[in-house]
Amino acid sequence: MNTVIDEPCIKNLTVTEDTITAQLTDGRVISVPLVWSWRLSEATPEQRKHYEIIGNGQGVHWPDIDEDISQVGWVSGRYDL
């Protein structure tokens, strides 16, 4: 038996002064405090707005500050993934 597990992907992202919020393809919305990422918390609002959803939604990259957060990290609550 072969089982395929579809992991939810990030389809939209919002970054405010206080939170990073990801809307996932399975309908969940996950928010973490901005301080979860020291790079993002120290970035300018313009740098926070400049992001790319990468790998068909497996993560987010902020090129101006060289920051990456994966959907696995978001879902599991671990920044280091």
N, C-alpha and C. Protein backbone atom coordinates (compact mmCIF):
# COMPACT_ATOMS: atom_id res chain seq x y z
N MET A 1 0.85 -1.17 0.00
CA MET A 1 0.00 0.00 0.00
C MET A 1 0.89 1.23 0.00
N ASN A 2 0.56 2.16 -0.86
CA ASN A 2 1.31 3.41 -0.97
C ASN A 2 0.40 4.55 -0.56
N THR A 3 0.83 5.30 0.43
CA THR A 3 0.02 6.40 0.93
C THR A 3 0.74 7.71 0.63
N VAL A 4 0.02 8.63 0.05
CA VAL A 4 0.55 9.95 -0.23
C VAL A 4 -0.06 10.93 0.76
N ILE A 5 0.79 11.66 1.45
CA ILE A 5 0.31 12.66 2.39
C ILE A 5 0.57 14.02 1.79
N ASP A 6 -0.51 14.75 1.54
CA ASP A 6 -0.37 16.10 1.02
C ASP A 6 -0.16 17.05 2.19
N GLU A 7 0.98 17.70 2.20
CA GLU A 7 1.24 18.69 3.23
C GLU A 7 0.64 20.01 2.78
N PRO A 8 0.07 20.75 3.71
CA PRO A 8 -0.49 22.05 3.34
C PRO A 8 0.62 22.99 2.91
N CYS A 9 0.32 23.82 1.96
CA CYS A 9 1.28 24.79 1.45
C CYS A 9 0.79 26.20 1.77
N ILE A 10 1.74 27.12 1.79
CA ILE A 10 1.42 28.52 2.03
C ILE A 10 0.88 29.11 0.74
N LYS A 11 -0.31 29.70 0.80
CA LYS A 11 -0.84 30.32 -0.42
C LYS A 11 -0.92 31.84 -0.31
N ASN A 12 -0.85 32.36 0.92
CA ASN A 12 -0.87 33.81 1.10
C ASN A 12 -0.17 34.14 2.41
N LEU A 13 0.37 35.34 2.47
CA LEU A 13 1.13 35.74 3.65
C LEU A 13 0.85 37.20 3.96
N THR A 14 0.76 37.51 5.25
CA THR A 14 0.60 38.88 5.71
C THR A 14 1.61 39.10 6.84
N VAL A 15 2.34 40.20 6.76
CA VAL A 15 3.28 40.57 7.82
C VAL A 15 2.88 41.95 8.33
N THR A 16 2.61 42.03 9.62
CA THR A 16 2.27 43.31 10.24
C THR A 16 3.39 43.71 11.20
N GLU A 17 3.16 44.74 11.96
CA GLU A 17 4.15 45.18 12.95
C GLU A 17 4.32 44.16 14.07
N ASP A 18 3.32 43.28 14.25
CA ASP A 18 3.33 42.35 15.38
C ASP A 18 3.31 40.87 15.00
N THR A 19 2.78 40.53 13.82
CA THR A 19 2.58 39.12 13.49
C THR A 19 2.97 38.78 12.05
N ILE A 20 3.23 37.50 11.86
CA ILE A 20 3.40 36.92 10.54
C ILE A 20 2.25 35.91 10.42
N THR A 21 1.42 36.06 9.41
CA THR A 21 0.25 35.20 9.27
C THR A 21 0.29 34.51 7.90
N ALA A 22 0.20 33.19 7.95
CA ALA A 22 0.20 32.40 6.72
C ALA A 22 -1.16 31.75 6.53
N GLN A 23 -1.71 31.89 5.33
CA GLN A 23 -2.93 31.18 4.97
C GLN A 23 -2.48 29.95 4.21
N LEU A 24 -2.91 28.76 4.67
CA LEU A 24 -2.48 27.50 4.06
C LEU A 24 -3.54 26.98 3.10
N THR A 25 -3.10 26.12 2.20
CA THR A 25 -4.00 25.58 1.18
C THR A 25 -5.09 24.68 1.76
N ASP A 26 -4.91 24.20 2.99
CA ASP A 26 -5.94 23.36 3.61
C ASP A 26 -6.97 24.18 4.39
N GLY A 27 -6.86 25.52 4.29
CA GLY A 27 -7.83 26.39 4.94
C GLY A 27 -7.39 26.95 6.28
N ARG A 28 -6.34 26.40 6.87
CA ARG A 28 -5.88 26.93 8.15
C ARG A 28 -5.19 28.27 7.96
N VAL A 29 -5.25 29.08 9.00
CA VAL A 29 -4.53 30.34 9.07
C VAL A 29 -3.69 30.25 10.33
N ILE A 30 -2.36 30.40 10.16
CA ILE A 30 -1.44 30.27 11.28
C ILE A 30 -0.69 31.57 11.45
N SER A 31 -0.72 32.10 12.68
CA SER A 31 -0.01 33.33 12.99
C SER A 31 1.03 33.07 14.07
N VAL A 32 2.15 33.74 13.92
CA VAL A 32 3.19 33.71 14.94
C VAL A 32 3.60 35.16 15.21
N PRO A 33 4.11 35.42 16.43
CA PRO A 33 4.57 36.77 16.71
C PRO A 33 5.75 37.12 15.80
N LEU A 34 5.84 38.37 15.43
CA LEU A 34 6.94 38.82 14.58
C LEU A 34 8.29 38.53 15.23
N VAL A 35 8.36 38.59 16.54
CA VAL A 35 9.62 38.33 17.23
C VAL A 35 10.07 36.88 17.12
N TRP A 36 9.22 36.01 16.55
CA TRP A 36 9.60 34.63 16.27
C TRP A 36 10.82 34.61 15.37
N SER A 37 10.96 35.63 14.54
CA SER A 37 12.13 35.78 13.67
C SER A 37 12.82 37.10 14.02
N TRP A 38 13.99 37.01 14.60
CA TRP A 38 14.69 38.25 14.97
C TRP A 38 15.03 39.06 13.74
N ARG A 39 15.30 38.41 12.61
CA ARG A 39 15.61 39.16 11.39
C ARG A 39 14.40 39.98 10.93
N LEU A 40 13.22 39.36 10.96
CA LEU A 40 12.02 40.09 10.55
C LEU A 40 11.65 41.17 11.56
N SER A 41 11.84 40.90 12.83
CA SER A 41 11.48 41.91 13.82
C SER A 41 12.39 43.13 13.75
N GLU A 42 13.61 42.96 13.25
CA GLU A 42 14.53 44.08 13.10
C GLU A 42 14.51 44.70 11.70
N ALA A 43 13.77 44.09 10.79
CA ALA A 43 13.70 44.58 9.41
C ALA A 43 12.78 45.80 9.31
N THR A 44 12.96 46.55 8.25
CA THR A 44 12.07 47.68 7.99
C THR A 44 10.74 47.15 7.44
N PRO A 45 9.68 47.94 7.52
CA PRO A 45 8.41 47.52 6.93
C PRO A 45 8.54 47.17 5.44
N GLU A 46 9.37 47.91 4.71
CA GLU A 46 9.57 47.62 3.29
C GLU A 46 10.24 46.26 3.09
N GLN A 47 11.22 45.94 3.93
CA GLN A 47 11.89 44.65 3.84
C GLN A 47 10.93 43.51 4.18
N ARG A 48 10.06 43.72 5.14
CA ARG A 48 9.09 42.68 5.51
C ARG A 48 8.10 42.42 4.39
N LYS A 49 7.74 43.47 3.65
CA LYS A 49 6.77 43.32 2.55
C LYS A 49 7.37 42.62 1.33
N HIS A 50 8.70 42.63 1.23
CA HIS A 50 9.37 42.05 0.07
C HIS A 50 9.72 40.59 0.36
N TYR A 51 8.79 39.71 0.04
CA TYR A 51 8.99 38.27 0.27
C TYR A 51 8.59 37.49 -0.97
N GLU A 52 9.03 36.25 -1.01
CA GLU A 52 8.67 35.34 -2.10
C GLU A 52 8.18 34.04 -1.48
N ILE A 53 7.03 33.57 -1.91
CA ILE A 53 6.58 32.23 -1.53
C ILE A 53 7.33 31.27 -2.44
N ILE A 54 8.07 30.35 -1.85
CA ILE A 54 8.98 29.50 -2.62
C ILE A 54 8.54 28.03 -2.59
N GLY A 55 9.03 27.29 -3.57
CA GLY A 55 8.80 25.85 -3.63
C GLY A 55 7.34 25.46 -3.65
N ASN A 56 6.53 26.12 -4.45
CA ASN A 56 5.09 25.83 -4.52
C ASN A 56 4.39 25.97 -3.19
N GLY A 57 4.92 26.83 -2.32
CA GLY A 57 4.27 27.08 -1.04
C GLY A 57 4.90 26.37 0.14
N GLN A 58 6.06 25.76 -0.07
CA GLN A 58 6.72 25.07 1.05
C GLN A 58 7.43 26.03 2.00
N GLY A 59 7.58 27.27 1.60
CA GLY A 59 8.26 28.22 2.47
C GLY A 59 8.15 29.64 1.96
N VAL A 60 8.74 30.54 2.74
CA VAL A 60 8.77 31.96 2.39
C VAL A 60 10.20 32.44 2.54
N HIS A 61 10.62 33.26 1.58
CA HIS A 61 11.98 33.82 1.60
C HIS A 61 11.88 35.33 1.52
N TRP A 62 12.63 36.01 2.40
CA TRP A 62 12.76 37.47 2.37
C TRP A 62 14.17 37.77 1.88
N PRO A 63 14.35 38.09 0.60
CA PRO A 63 15.69 38.26 0.03
C PRO A 63 16.48 39.43 0.61
N ASP A 64 15.81 40.48 1.01
CA ASP A 64 16.52 41.65 1.53
C ASP A 64 17.23 41.38 2.85
N ILE A 65 16.72 40.40 3.61
CA ILE A 65 17.32 40.11 4.91
C ILE A 65 17.79 38.66 5.02
N ASP A 66 17.72 37.92 3.91
CA ASP A 66 18.15 36.52 3.84
C ASP A 66 17.49 35.68 4.93
N GLU A 67 16.17 35.74 4.99
CA GLU A 67 15.40 34.98 5.98
C GLU A 67 14.49 34.00 5.26
N ASP A 68 14.37 32.81 5.82
CA ASP A 68 13.49 31.77 5.28
C ASP A 68 12.70 31.14 6.42
N ILE A 69 11.42 30.89 6.18
CA ILE A 69 10.59 30.15 7.12
C ILE A 69 9.82 29.12 6.31
N SER A 70 9.85 27.87 6.76
CA SER A 70 9.16 26.80 6.04
C SER A 70 7.75 26.60 6.57
N GLN A 71 6.90 26.03 5.73
CA GLN A 71 5.54 25.73 6.18
C GLN A 71 5.59 24.64 7.24
N VAL A 72 6.55 23.74 7.18
CA VAL A 72 6.68 22.70 8.20
C VAL A 72 6.97 23.35 9.56
N GLY A 73 7.84 24.35 9.56
CA GLY A 73 8.13 25.07 10.79
C GLY A 73 6.90 25.77 11.35
N TRP A 74 6.15 26.42 10.47
CA TRP A 74 4.93 27.10 10.89
C TRP A 74 3.94 26.11 11.51
N VAL A 75 3.67 25.03 10.80
CA VAL A 75 2.68 24.07 11.25
C VAL A 75 3.11 23.40 12.55
N SER A 76 4.41 23.11 12.68
CA SER A 76 4.88 22.41 13.89
C SER A 76 5.21 23.37 15.03
N GLY A 77 5.24 24.68 14.73
CA GLY A 77 5.59 25.65 15.76
C GLY A 77 7.06 25.75 16.04
N ARG A 78 7.88 25.27 15.08
CA ARG A 78 9.34 25.31 15.25
C ARG A 78 9.96 26.18 14.19
N TYR A 79 10.63 27.21 14.62
CA TYR A 79 11.27 28.14 13.70
C TYR A 79 12.46 27.53 12.99
N ASP A 80 13.12 26.56 13.59
CA ASP A 80 14.36 26.03 13.06
C ASP A 80 14.19 25.01 11.94
N LEU A 81 12.96 24.77 11.49
CA LEU A 81 12.72 23.79 10.42
C LEU A 81 12.57 24.48 9.08
